[in-house]
């Protein structure tokens, strides 16, 4: 059985993510760029196709079990928007890195803000 579940984005269309390897948090705008799946952490470059937060995982598990909990709300935060040149996907990050890895292909990218 396949269940289609959508998470509510923040006011700019971004959804929270957390790398399972480096535990850094960022936000991504799914479907607003190349439309290819996001498979890499923008901070450490690890192949991480599932960067859901613990609250999102709890919510998604509850939906899969047929007992949905309240969807975790997106919180506004002070992050910088970065657009990757190679695939045109955008993320929100903390602004501390001078280089990030593309969430689609994993290629290093100089930080440019938009």
PDB file of N, CA and C in Angstrom:
ATOM      1  N   UNK A   1       0.832  -1.176   0.000  1.00  0.00           N
ATOM      2  CA  UNK A   1       0.000   0.000   0.000  1.00  0.00           C
ATOM      3  C   UNK A   1       0.881   1.246   0.000  1.00  0.00           C
ATOM      4  N   UNK A   2       0.575   2.189  -0.840  1.00  0.00           N
ATOM      5  CA  UNK A   2       1.294   3.455  -0.906  1.00  0.00           C
ATOM      6  C   UNK A   2       0.359   4.567  -0.444  1.00  0.00           C
ATOM      7  N   UNK A   3       0.844   5.373   0.471  1.00  0.00           N
ATOM      8  CA  UNK A   3       0.067   6.492   0.998  1.00  0.00           C
ATOM      9  C   UNK A   3       0.804   7.771   0.653  1.00  0.00           C
ATOM     10  N   UNK A   4       0.106   8.707   0.043  1.00  0.00           N
ATOM     11  CA  UNK A   4       0.683   9.997  -0.308  1.00  0.00           C
ATOM     12  C   UNK A   4       0.510  10.937   0.886  1.00  0.00           C
ATOM     13  N   UNK A   5       1.618  11.428   1.423  1.00  0.00           N
ATOM     14  CA  UNK A   5       1.584  12.316   2.579  1.00  0.00           C
ATOM     15  C   UNK A   5       2.334  13.594   2.227  1.00  0.00           C
ATOM     16  N   UNK A   6       1.739  14.724   2.533  1.00  0.00           N
ATOM     17  CA  UNK A   6       2.391  16.011   2.285  1.00  0.00           C
ATOM     18  C   UNK A   6       2.649  16.695   3.616  1.00  0.00           C
ATOM     19  N   UNK A   7       3.820  17.294   3.718  1.00  0.00           N
ATOM     20  CA  UNK A   7       4.164  18.083   4.896  1.00  0.00           C
ATOM     21  C   UNK A   7       3.960  19.551   4.554  1.00  0.00           C
ATOM     22  N   UNK A   8       3.400  20.295   5.486  1.00  0.00           N
ATOM     23  CA  UNK A   8       3.178  21.719   5.253  1.00  0.00           C
ATOM     24  C   UNK A   8       4.508  22.467   5.270  1.00  0.00           C
ATOM     25  N   UNK A   9       4.799  23.234   4.228  1.00  0.00           N
ATOM     26  CA  UNK A   9       6.042  24.013   4.195  1.00  0.00           C
ATOM     27  C   UNK A   9       5.912  25.302   5.008  1.00  0.00           C
ATOM     28  N   UNK A  10       7.037  25.988   5.195  1.00  0.00           N
ATOM     29  CA  UNK A  10       7.000  27.295   5.847  1.00  0.00           C
ATOM     30  C   UNK A  10       6.448  28.335   4.871  1.00  0.00           C
ATOM     31  N   UNK A  11       6.440  29.585   5.268  1.00  0.00           N
ATOM     32  CA  UNK A  11       5.844  30.653   4.453  1.00  0.00           C
ATOM     33  C   UNK A  11       6.551  30.858   3.115  1.00  0.00           C
ATOM     34  N   UNK A  12       7.795  30.376   2.999  1.00  0.00           N
ATOM     35  CA  UNK A  12       8.546  30.510   1.747  1.00  0.00           C
ATOM     36  C   UNK A  12       8.536  29.226   0.911  1.00  0.00           C
ATOM     37  N   UNK A  13       7.827  28.193   1.367  1.00  0.00           N
ATOM     38  CA  UNK A  13       7.744  26.934   0.624  1.00  0.00           C
ATOM     39  C   UNK A  13       8.822  25.922   0.963  1.00  0.00           C
ATOM     40  N   UNK A  14       9.501  26.067   2.100  1.00  0.00           N
ATOM     41  CA  UNK A  14      10.578  25.167   2.506  1.00  0.00           C
ATOM     42  C   UNK A  14      10.129  24.226   3.616  1.00  0.00           C
ATOM     43  N   UNK A  15      10.690  23.003   3.607  1.00  0.00           N
ATOM     44  CA  UNK A  15      10.384  21.982   4.613  1.00  0.00           C
ATOM     45  C   UNK A  15      11.666  21.645   5.372  1.00  0.00           C
ATOM     46  N   UNK A  16      11.570  21.526   6.692  1.00  0.00           N
ATOM     47  CA  UNK A  16      12.725  21.211   7.528  1.00  0.00           C
ATOM     48  C   UNK A  16      13.303  19.843   7.209  1.00  0.00           C
ATOM     49  N   UNK A  17      14.629  19.740   7.319  1.00  0.00           N
ATOM     50  CA  UNK A  17      15.364  18.503   7.106  1.00  0.00           C
ATOM     51  C   UNK A  17      16.483  18.443   8.142  1.00  0.00           C
ATOM     52  N   UNK A  18      16.980  17.229   8.429  1.00  0.00           N
ATOM     53  CA  UNK A  18      18.098  17.049   9.348  1.00  0.00           C
ATOM     54  C   UNK A  18      18.927  15.873   8.859  1.00  0.00           C
ATOM     55  N   UNK A  19      20.208  16.095   8.653  1.00  0.00           N
ATOM     56  CA  UNK A  19      21.093  15.047   8.154  1.00  0.00           C
ATOM     57  C   UNK A  19      21.266  13.958   9.214  1.00  0.00           C
ATOM     58  N   UNK A  20      21.067  12.682   8.843  1.00  0.00           N
ATOM     59  CA  UNK A  20      21.250  11.594   9.812  1.00  0.00           C
ATOM     60  C   UNK A  20      22.718  11.343  10.163  1.00  0.00           C
ATOM     61  N   UNK A  21      23.656  11.947   9.436  1.00  0.00           N
ATOM     62  CA  UNK A  21      25.079  11.742   9.683  1.00  0.00           C
ATOM     63  C   UNK A  21      25.700  12.863  10.496  1.00  0.00           C
ATOM     64  N   UNK A  22      25.527  14.102  10.063  1.00  0.00           N
ATOM     65  CA  UNK A  22      26.138  15.232  10.779  1.00  0.00           C
ATOM     66  C   UNK A  22      25.138  15.952  11.689  1.00  0.00           C
ATOM     67  N   UNK A  23      23.858  15.596  11.596  1.00  0.00           N
ATOM     68  CA  UNK A  23      22.779  16.159  12.420  1.00  0.00           C
ATOM     69  C   UNK A  23      22.527  17.651  12.206  1.00  0.00           C
ATOM     70  N   UNK A  24      23.073  18.202  11.129  1.00  0.00           N
ATOM     71  CA  UNK A  24      22.820  19.613  10.823  1.00  0.00           C
ATOM     72  C   UNK A  24      21.403  19.768  10.271  1.00  0.00           C
ATOM     73  N   UNK A  25      20.800  20.893  10.597  1.00  0.00           N
ATOM     74  CA  UNK A  25      19.439  21.183  10.137  1.00  0.00           C
ATOM     75  C   UNK A  25      19.488  22.170   8.975  1.00  0.00           C
ATOM     76  N   UNK A  26      18.579  21.998   8.045  1.00  0.00           N
ATOM     77  CA  UNK A  26      18.429  22.888   6.904  1.00  0.00           C
ATOM     78  C   UNK A  26      17.001  22.747   6.409  1.00  0.00           C
ATOM     79  N   UNK A  27      16.624  23.551   5.450  1.00  0.00           N
ATOM     80  CA  UNK A  27      15.296  23.443   4.849  1.00  0.00           C
ATOM     81  C   UNK A  27      15.456  23.335   3.341  1.00  0.00           C
ATOM     82  N   UNK A  28      14.558  22.615   2.717  1.00  0.00           N
ATOM     83  CA  UNK A  28      14.610  22.449   1.271  1.00  0.00           C
ATOM     84  C   UNK A  28      13.246  22.740   0.664  1.00  0.00           C
ATOM     85  N   UNK A  29      13.264  23.195  -0.572  1.00  0.00           N
ATOM     86  CA  UNK A  29      12.027  23.481  -1.306  1.00  0.00           C
ATOM     87  C   UNK A  29      11.854  22.369  -2.340  1.00  0.00           C
ATOM     88  N   UNK A  30      11.097  21.345  -1.970  1.00  0.00           N
ATOM     89  CA  UNK A  30      10.880  20.213  -2.872  1.00  0.00           C
ATOM     90  C   UNK A  30      10.089  20.643  -4.104  1.00  0.00           C
ATOM     91  N   UNK A  31      10.502  20.144  -5.265  1.00  0.00           N
ATOM     92  CA  UNK A  31       9.766  20.406  -6.499  1.00  0.00           C
ATOM     93  C   UNK A  31       9.934  21.804  -7.055  1.00  0.00           C
ATOM     94  N   UNK A  32      10.859  22.572  -6.513  1.00  0.00           N
ATOM     95  CA  UNK A  32      11.091  23.935  -7.004  1.00  0.00           C
ATOM     96  C   UNK A  32      12.534  24.040  -7.454  1.00  0.00           C
ATOM     97  N   UNK A  33      12.814  23.467  -8.578  1.00  0.00           N
ATOM     98  CA  UNK A  33      14.171  23.406  -9.112  1.00  0.00           C
ATOM     99  C   UNK A  33      14.171  22.342 -10.189  1.00  0.00           C
ATOM    100  N   UNK A  34      15.013  21.340 -10.018  1.00  0.00           N
ATOM    101  CA  UNK A  34      15.155  20.317 -11.054  1.00  0.00           C
ATOM    102  C   UNK A  34      14.068  19.252 -11.004  1.00  0.00           C
ATOM    103  N   UNK A  35      13.355  19.142  -9.923  1.00  0.00           N
ATOM    104  CA  UNK A  35      12.346  18.107  -9.689  1.00  0.00           C
ATOM    105  C   UNK A  35      12.961  16.720  -9.515  1.00  0.00           C
ATOM    106  N   UNK A  36      14.290  16.665  -9.397  1.00  0.00           N
ATOM    107  CA  UNK A  36      14.970  15.406  -9.116  1.00  0.00           C
ATOM    108  C   UNK A  36      15.005  15.214  -7.602  1.00  0.00           C
ATOM    109  N   UNK A  37      15.119  13.967  -7.152  1.00  0.00           N
ATOM    110  CA  UNK A  37      15.120  13.735  -5.697  1.00  0.00           C
ATOM    111  C   UNK A  37      16.352  14.329  -5.020  1.00  0.00           C
ATOM    112  N   UNK A  38      16.145  14.769  -3.798  1.00  0.00           N
ATOM    113  CA  UNK A  38      17.235  15.293  -2.987  1.00  0.00           C
ATOM    114  C   UNK A  38      17.884  14.112  -2.285  1.00  0.00           C
ATOM    115  N   UNK A  39      19.200  13.928  -2.513  1.00  0.00           N
ATOM    116  CA  UNK A  39      19.888  12.744  -2.007  1.00  0.00           C
ATOM    117  C   UNK A  39      21.130  13.034  -1.176  1.00  0.00           C
ATOM    118  N   UNK A  40      21.506  14.304  -1.024  1.00  0.00           N
ATOM    119  CA  UNK A  40      22.750  14.628  -0.325  1.00  0.00           C
ATOM    120  C   UNK A  40      22.537  15.712   0.731  1.00  0.00           C
ATOM    121  N   UNK A  41      23.344  15.625   1.779  1.00  0.00           N
ATOM    122  CA  UNK A  41      23.322  16.660   2.813  1.00  0.00           C
ATOM    123  C   UNK A  41      24.105  17.866   2.291  1.00  0.00           C
ATOM    124  N   UNK A  42      23.557  19.069   2.394  1.00  0.00           N
ATOM    125  CA  UNK A  42      24.274  20.240   1.897  1.00  0.00           C
ATOM    126  C   UNK A  42      25.489  20.611   2.750  1.00  0.00           C
ATOM    127  N   UNK A  43      25.555  20.134   3.989  1.00  0.00           N
ATOM    128  CA  UNK A  43      26.671  20.477   4.871  1.00  0.00           C
ATOM    129  C   UNK A  43      27.840  19.502   4.764  1.00  0.00           C
ATOM    130  N   UNK A  44      27.581  18.201   4.929  1.00  0.00           N
ATOM    131  CA  UNK A  44      28.687  17.228   4.943  1.00  0.00           C
ATOM    132  C   UNK A  44      28.829  16.473   3.624  1.00  0.00           C
ATOM    133  N   UNK A  45      27.858  16.583   2.730  1.00  0.00           N
ATOM    134  CA  UNK A  45      27.917  15.927   1.431  1.00  0.00           C
ATOM    135  C   UNK A  45      27.601  14.445   1.459  1.00  0.00           C
ATOM    136  N   UNK A  46      27.177  13.921   2.604  1.00  0.00           N
ATOM    137  CA  UNK A  46      26.858  12.493   2.715  1.00  0.00           C
ATOM    138  C   UNK A  46      25.644  12.143   1.860  1.00  0.00           C
ATOM    139  N   UNK A  47      25.666  10.937   1.307  1.00  0.00           N
ATOM    140  CA  UNK A  47      24.499  10.435   0.589  1.00  0.00           C
ATOM    141  C   UNK A  47      23.430  10.176   1.642  1.00  0.00           C
ATOM    142  N   UNK A  48      22.439  11.013   1.680  1.00  0.00           N
ATOM    143  CA  UNK A  48      21.421  10.973   2.733  1.00  0.00           C
ATOM    144  C   UNK A  48      20.049  11.254   2.124  1.00  0.00           C
ATOM    145  N   UNK A  49      19.448  10.244   1.455  1.00  0.00           N
ATOM    146  CA  UNK A  49      18.168  10.490   0.795  1.00  0.00           C
ATOM    147  C   UNK A  49      16.989  10.698   1.748  1.00  0.00           C
ATOM    148  N   UNK A  50      17.171  10.392   3.021  1.00  0.00           N
ATOM    149  CA  UNK A  50      16.082  10.558   3.994  1.00  0.00           C
ATOM    150  C   UNK A  50      16.540  11.441   5.135  1.00  0.00           C
ATOM    151  N   UNK A  51      16.348  12.725   4.975  1.00  0.00           N
ATOM    152  CA  UNK A  51      16.782  13.694   5.984  1.00  0.00           C
ATOM    153  C   UNK A  51      15.603  14.225   6.798  1.00  0.00           C
ATOM    154  N   UNK A  52      14.661  13.359   7.108  1.00  0.00           N
ATOM    155  CA  UNK A  52      13.493  13.806   7.871  1.00  0.00           C
ATOM    156  C   UNK A  52      13.889  14.081   9.315  1.00  0.00           C
ATOM    157  N   UNK A  53      13.226  15.040   9.944  1.00  0.00           N
ATOM    158  CA  UNK A  53      13.460  15.318  11.360  1.00  0.00           C
ATOM    159  C   UNK A  53      12.771  14.237  12.186  1.00  0.00           C
ATOM    160  N   UNK A  54      13.124  14.130  13.459  1.00  0.00           N
ATOM    161  CA  UNK A  54      12.504  13.114  14.319  1.00  0.00           C
ATOM    162  C   UNK A  54      10.998  13.340  14.452  1.00  0.00           C
ATOM    163  N   UNK A  55      10.555  14.600  14.484  1.00  0.00           N
ATOM    164  CA  UNK A  55       9.118  14.893  14.570  1.00  0.00           C
ATOM    165  C   UNK A  55       8.396  14.470  13.288  1.00  0.00           C
ATOM    166  N   UNK A  56       9.032  14.687  12.133  1.00  0.00           N
ATOM    167  CA  UNK A  56       8.429  14.270  10.869  1.00  0.00           C
ATOM    168  C   UNK A  56       8.334  12.746  10.791  1.00  0.00           C
ATOM    169  N   UNK A  57       9.377  12.046  11.245  1.00  0.00           N
ATOM    170  CA  UNK A  57       9.365  10.581  11.220  1.00  0.00           C
ATOM    171  C   UNK A  57       8.247  10.048  12.108  1.00  0.00           C
ATOM    172  N   UNK A  58       8.080  10.629  13.277  1.00  0.00           N
ATOM    173  CA  UNK A  58       7.003  10.217  14.183  1.00  0.00           C
ATOM    174  C   UNK A  58       5.644  10.424  13.520  1.00  0.00           C
ATOM    175  N   UNK A  59       5.479  11.572  12.870  1.00  0.00           N
ATOM    176  CA  UNK A  59       4.224  11.860  12.175  1.00  0.00           C
ATOM    177  C   UNK A  59       3.993  10.875  11.021  1.00  0.00           C
ATOM    178  N   UNK A  60       5.019  10.657  10.178  1.00  0.00           N
ATOM    179  CA  UNK A  60       4.882   9.753   9.038  1.00  0.00           C
ATOM    180  C   UNK A  60       4.599   8.321   9.492  1.00  0.00           C
ATOM    181  N   UNK A  61       5.225   7.876  10.581  1.00  0.00           N
ATOM    182  CA  UNK A  61       4.938   6.544  11.136  1.00  0.00           C
ATOM    183  C   UNK A  61       3.494   6.446  11.603  1.00  0.00           C
ATOM    184  N   UNK A  62       2.987   7.500  12.230  1.00  0.00           N
ATOM    185  CA  UNK A  62       1.598   7.481  12.718  1.00  0.00           C
ATOM    186  C   UNK A  62       0.614   7.406  11.558  1.00  0.00           C
ATOM    187  N   UNK A  63       0.917   8.082  10.455  1.00  0.00           N
ATOM    188  CA  UNK A  63       0.063   8.021   9.262  1.00  0.00           C
ATOM    189  C   UNK A  63       0.088   6.607   8.683  1.00  0.00           C
ATOM    190  N   UNK A  64       1.280   6.004   8.610  1.00  0.00           N
ATOM    191  CA  UNK A  64       1.422   4.650   8.066  1.00  0.00           C
ATOM    192  C   UNK A  64       0.661   3.627   8.901  1.00  0.00           C
ATOM    193  N   UNK A  65       0.549   3.872  10.207  1.00  0.00           N
ATOM    194  CA  UNK A  65      -0.174   2.962  11.091  1.00  0.00           C
ATOM    195  C   UNK A  65      -1.672   3.247  11.133  1.00  0.00           C
ATOM    196  N   UNK A  66      -2.105   4.258  10.377  1.00  0.00           N
ATOM    197  CA  UNK A  66      -3.525   4.596  10.336  1.00  0.00           C
ATOM    198  C   UNK A  66      -4.014   5.379  11.529  1.00  0.00           C
ATOM    199  N   UNK A  67      -3.104   5.912  12.341  1.00  0.00           N
ATOM    200  CA  UNK A  67      -3.463   6.696  13.522  1.00  0.00           C
ATOM    201  C   UNK A  67      -2.705   8.018  13.489  1.00  0.00           C
ATOM    202  N   UNK A  68      -3.037   8.885  12.517  1.00  0.00           N
ATOM    203  CA  UNK A  68      -2.244  10.102  12.338  1.00  0.00           C
ATOM    204  C   UNK A  68      -2.284  11.049  13.533  1.00  0.00           C
ATOM    205  N   UNK A  69      -1.102  11.504  13.905  1.00  0.00           N
ATOM    206  CA  UNK A  69      -0.945  12.540  14.918  1.00  0.00           C
ATOM    207  C   UNK A  69      -1.051  13.890  14.216  1.00  0.00           C
ATOM    208  N   UNK A  70      -0.980  14.963  14.987  1.00  0.00           N
ATOM    209  CA  UNK A  70      -0.975  16.294  14.383  1.00  0.00           C
ATOM    210  C   UNK A  70       0.334  16.484  13.620  1.00  0.00           C
ATOM    211  N   UNK A  71       0.240  17.095  12.451  1.00  0.00           N
ATOM    212  CA  UNK A  71       1.414  17.349  11.635  1.00  0.00           C
ATOM    213  C   UNK A  71       2.318  18.356  12.338  1.00  0.00           C
ATOM    214  N   UNK A  72       3.642  18.089  12.383  1.00  0.00           N
ATOM    215  CA  UNK A  72       4.531  19.057  13.029  1.00  0.00           C
ATOM    216  C   UNK A  72       4.576  20.360  12.241  1.00  0.00           C
ATOM    217  N   UNK A  73       4.394  21.490  12.913  1.00  0.00           N
ATOM    218  CA  UNK A  73       4.392  22.768  12.198  1.00  0.00           C
ATOM    219  C   UNK A  73       5.804  23.200  11.808  1.00  0.00           C
ATOM    220  N   UNK A  74       5.905  23.901  10.703  1.00  0.00           N
ATOM    221  CA  UNK A  74       7.171  24.516  10.302  1.00  0.00           C
ATOM    222  C   UNK A  74       7.306  25.815  11.073  1.00  0.00           C
ATOM    223  N   UNK A  75       8.476  26.034  11.607  1.00  0.00           N
ATOM    224  CA  UNK A  75       8.709  27.257  12.358  1.00  0.00           C
ATOM    225  C   UNK A  75       9.548  28.229  11.537  1.00  0.00           C
ATOM    226  N   UNK A  76       9.225  29.516  11.611  1.00  0.00           N
ATOM    227  CA  UNK A  76      10.050  30.496  10.900  1.00  0.00           C
ATOM    228  C   UNK A  76      11.416  30.574  11.575  1.00  0.00           C
ATOM    229  N   UNK A  77      12.436  30.782  10.785  1.00  0.00           N
ATOM    230  CA  UNK A  77      13.768  30.896  11.354  1.00  0.00           C
ATOM    231  C   UNK A  77      14.602  31.867  10.524  1.00  0.00           C
ATOM    232  N   UNK A  78      15.718  32.252  11.082  1.00  0.00           N
ATOM    233  CA  UNK A  78      16.591  33.214  10.406  1.00  0.00           C
ATOM    234  C   UNK A  78      17.626  32.459   9.583  1.00  0.00           C
ATOM    235  N   UNK A  79      17.252  32.010   8.408  1.00  0.00           N
ATOM    236  CA  UNK A  79      18.181  31.277   7.561  1.00  0.00           C
ATOM    237  C   UNK A  79      18.371  31.990   6.233  1.00  0.00           C
ATOM    238  N   UNK A  80      19.427  31.600   5.550  1.00  0.00           N
ATOM    239  CA  UNK A  80      19.810  32.190   4.274  1.00  0.00           C
ATOM    240  C   UNK A  80      19.387  31.250   3.151  1.00  0.00           C
ATOM    241  N   UNK A  81      18.855  31.783   2.068  1.00  0.00           N
ATOM    242  CA  UNK A  81      18.460  30.957   0.925  1.00  0.00           C
ATOM    243  C   UNK A  81      19.653  30.836  -0.029  1.00  0.00           C
ATOM    244  N   UNK A  82      19.947  29.611  -0.429  1.00  0.00           N
ATOM    245  CA  UNK A  82      21.020  29.327  -1.387  1.00  0.00           C
ATOM    246  C   UNK A  82      20.435  28.562  -2.564  1.00  0.00           C
ATOM    247  N   UNK A  83      20.792  28.968  -3.760  1.00  0.00           N
ATOM    248  CA  UNK A  83      20.339  28.295  -4.979  1.00  0.00           C
ATOM    249  C   UNK A  83      21.549  27.637  -5.636  1.00  0.00           C
ATOM    250  N   UNK A  84      21.479  26.321  -5.841  1.00  0.00           N
ATOM    251  CA  UNK A  84      22.577  25.597  -6.480  1.00  0.00           C
ATOM    252  C   UNK A  84      22.527  25.831  -7.979  1.00  0.00           C
ATOM    253  N   UNK A  85      23.676  26.116  -8.572  1.00  0.00           N
ATOM    254  CA  UNK A  85      23.743  26.387 -10.016  1.00  0.00           C
ATOM    255  C   UNK A  85      23.487  25.136 -10.847  1.00  0.00           C
ATOM    256  N   UNK A  86      23.980  23.994 -10.395  1.00  0.00           N
ATOM    257  CA  UNK A  86      23.933  22.773 -11.207  1.00  0.00           C
ATOM    258  C   UNK A  86      22.504  22.253 -11.423  1.00  0.00           C
ATOM    259  N   UNK A  87      21.649  22.352 -10.416  1.00  0.00           N
ATOM    260  CA  UNK A  87      20.289  21.826 -10.564  1.00  0.00           C
ATOM    261  C   UNK A  87      19.203  22.854 -10.240  1.00  0.00           C
ATOM    262  N   UNK A  88      19.598  24.026  -9.816  1.00  0.00           N
ATOM    263  CA  UNK A  88      18.682  25.131  -9.541  1.00  0.00           C
ATOM    264  C   UNK A  88      17.759  24.871  -8.344  1.00  0.00           C
ATOM    265  N   UNK A  89      18.115  23.875  -7.516  1.00  0.00           N
ATOM    266  CA  UNK A  89      17.355  23.629  -6.295  1.00  0.00           C
ATOM    267  C   UNK A  89      17.788  24.630  -5.239  1.00  0.00           C
ATOM    268  N   UNK A  90      16.860  24.936  -4.317  1.00  0.00           N
ATOM    269  CA  UNK A  90      17.130  25.925  -3.281  1.00  0.00           C
ATOM    270  C   UNK A  90      17.026  25.290  -1.901  1.00  0.00           C
ATOM    271  N   UNK A  91      17.852  25.789  -0.984  1.00  0.00           N
ATOM    272  CA  UNK A  91      17.762  25.390   0.413  1.00  0.00           C
ATOM    273  C   UNK A  91      17.831  26.645   1.272  1.00  0.00           C
ATOM    274  N   UNK A  92      17.413  26.508   2.515  1.00  0.00           N
ATOM    275  CA  UNK A  92      17.658  27.513   3.542  1.00  0.00           C
ATOM    276  C   UNK A  92      18.684  26.888   4.478  1.00  0.00           C
ATOM    277  N   UNK A  93      19.724  27.658   4.803  1.00  0.00           N
ATOM    278  CA  UNK A  93      20.760  27.157   5.693  1.00  0.00           C
ATOM    279  C   UNK A  93      21.138  28.243   6.690  1.00  0.00           C
ATOM    280  N   UNK A  94      22.043  27.905   7.589  1.00  0.00           N
ATOM    281  CA  UNK A  94      22.373  28.850   8.659  1.00  0.00           C
ATOM    282  C   UNK A  94      23.340  29.962   8.253  1.00  0.00           C
ATOM    283  N   UNK A  95      23.878  29.907   7.033  1.00  0.00           N
ATOM    284  CA  UNK A  95      24.751  30.965   6.547  1.00  0.00           C
ATOM    285  C   UNK A  95      26.194  30.851   6.994  1.00  0.00           C
ATOM    286  N   UNK A  96      26.549  29.797   7.727  1.00  0.00           N
ATOM    287  CA  UNK A  96      27.904  29.682   8.259  1.00  0.00           C
ATOM    288  C   UNK A  96      28.909  29.061   7.285  1.00  0.00           C
ATOM    289  N   UNK A  97      28.443  28.337   6.296  1.00  0.00           N
ATOM    290  CA  UNK A  97      29.353  27.645   5.379  1.00  0.00           C
ATOM    291  C   UNK A  97      29.678  28.486   4.155  1.00  0.00           C
ATOM    292  N   UNK A  98      30.929  28.381   3.689  1.00  0.00           N
ATOM    293  CA  UNK A  98      31.321  29.062   2.467  1.00  0.00           C
ATOM    294  C   UNK A  98      31.109  28.165   1.263  1.00  0.00           C
ATOM    295  N   UNK A  99      31.037  26.847   1.515  1.00  0.00           N
ATOM    296  CA  UNK A  99      30.742  25.889   0.456  1.00  0.00           C
ATOM    297  C   UNK A  99      29.680  24.933   0.959  1.00  0.00           C
ATOM    298  N   UNK A 100      28.779  24.581   0.084  1.00  0.00           N
ATOM    299  CA  UNK A 100      27.732  23.616   0.386  1.00  0.00           C
ATOM    300  C   UNK A 100      27.738  22.552  -0.701  1.00  0.00           C
ATOM    301  N   UNK A 101      27.113  21.429  -0.441  1.00  0.00           N
ATOM    302  CA  UNK A 101      26.984  20.358  -1.422  1.00  0.00           C
ATOM    303  C   UNK A 101      25.579  20.383  -1.989  1.00  0.00           C
ATOM    304  N   UNK A 102      25.462  20.215  -3.298  1.00  0.00           N
ATOM    305  CA  UNK A 102      24.159  20.196  -3.949  1.00  0.00           C
ATOM    306  C   UNK A 102      23.335  19.045  -3.388  1.00  0.00           C
ATOM    307  N   UNK A 103      22.090  19.312  -3.046  1.00  0.00           N
ATOM    308  CA  UNK A 103      21.214  18.285  -2.480  1.00  0.00           C
ATOM    309  C   UNK A 103      20.809  17.239  -3.513  1.00  0.00           C
ATOM    310  N   UNK A 104      20.997  17.527  -4.810  1.00  0.00           N
ATOM    311  CA  UNK A 104      20.639  16.588  -5.879  1.00  0.00           C
ATOM    312  C   UNK A 104      21.828  15.721  -6.292  1.00  0.00           C
ATOM    313  N   UNK A 105      22.969  16.340  -6.599  1.00  0.00           N
ATOM    314  CA  UNK A 105      24.106  15.579  -7.143  1.00  0.00           C
ATOM    315  C   UNK A 105      25.291  15.460  -6.195  1.00  0.00           C
ATOM    316  N   UNK A 106      25.321  16.239  -5.114  1.00  0.00           N
ATOM    317  CA  UNK A 106      26.411  16.169  -4.161  1.00  0.00           C
ATOM    318  C   UNK A 106      27.634  16.995  -4.526  1.00  0.00           C
ATOM    319  N   UNK A 107      27.571  17.731  -5.623  1.00  0.00           N
ATOM    320  CA  UNK A 107      28.698  18.557  -6.077  1.00  0.00           C
ATOM    321  C   UNK A 107      28.877  19.760  -5.159  1.00  0.00           C
ATOM    322  N   UNK A 108      30.150  20.115  -4.866  1.00  0.00           N
ATOM    323  CA  UNK A 108      30.427  21.296  -4.042  1.00  0.00           C
ATOM    324  C   UNK A 108      29.988  22.547  -4.776  1.00  0.00           C
ATOM    325  N   UNK A 109      29.487  23.496  -4.006  1.00  0.00           N
ATOM    326  CA  UNK A 109      28.982  24.737  -4.575  1.00  0.00           C
ATOM    327  C   UNK A 109      29.407  25.894  -3.688  1.00  0.00           C
ATOM    328  N   UNK A 110      29.888  26.961  -4.310  1.00  0.00           N
ATOM    329  CA  UNK A 110      30.155  28.182  -3.535  1.00  0.00           C
ATOM    330  C   UNK A 110      28.839  28.769  -3.084  1.00  0.00           C
ATOM    331  N   UNK A 111      28.843  29.309  -1.901  1.00  0.00           N
ATOM    332  CA  UNK A 111      27.617  29.886  -1.347  1.00  0.00           C
ATOM    333  C   UNK A 111      27.305  31.210  -2.022  1.00  0.00           C
ATOM    334  N   UNK A 112      26.134  31.262  -2.606  1.00  0.00           N
ATOM    335  CA  UNK A 112      25.555  32.498  -3.153  1.00  0.00           C
ATOM    336  C   UNK A 112      24.182  32.619  -2.536  1.00  0.00           C
ATOM    337  N   UNK A 113      23.782  33.791  -2.155  1.00  0.00           N
ATOM    338  CA  UNK A 113      22.464  33.958  -1.554  1.00  0.00           C
ATOM    339  C   UNK A 113      21.501  34.555  -2.559  1.00  0.00           C
ATOM    340  N   UNK A 114      20.254  34.130  -2.444  1.00  0.00           N
ATOM    341  CA  UNK A 114      19.168  34.648  -3.283  1.00  0.00           C
ATOM    342  C   UNK A 114      17.914  34.691  -2.480  1.00  0.00           C
TER     343      UNK A 114
END
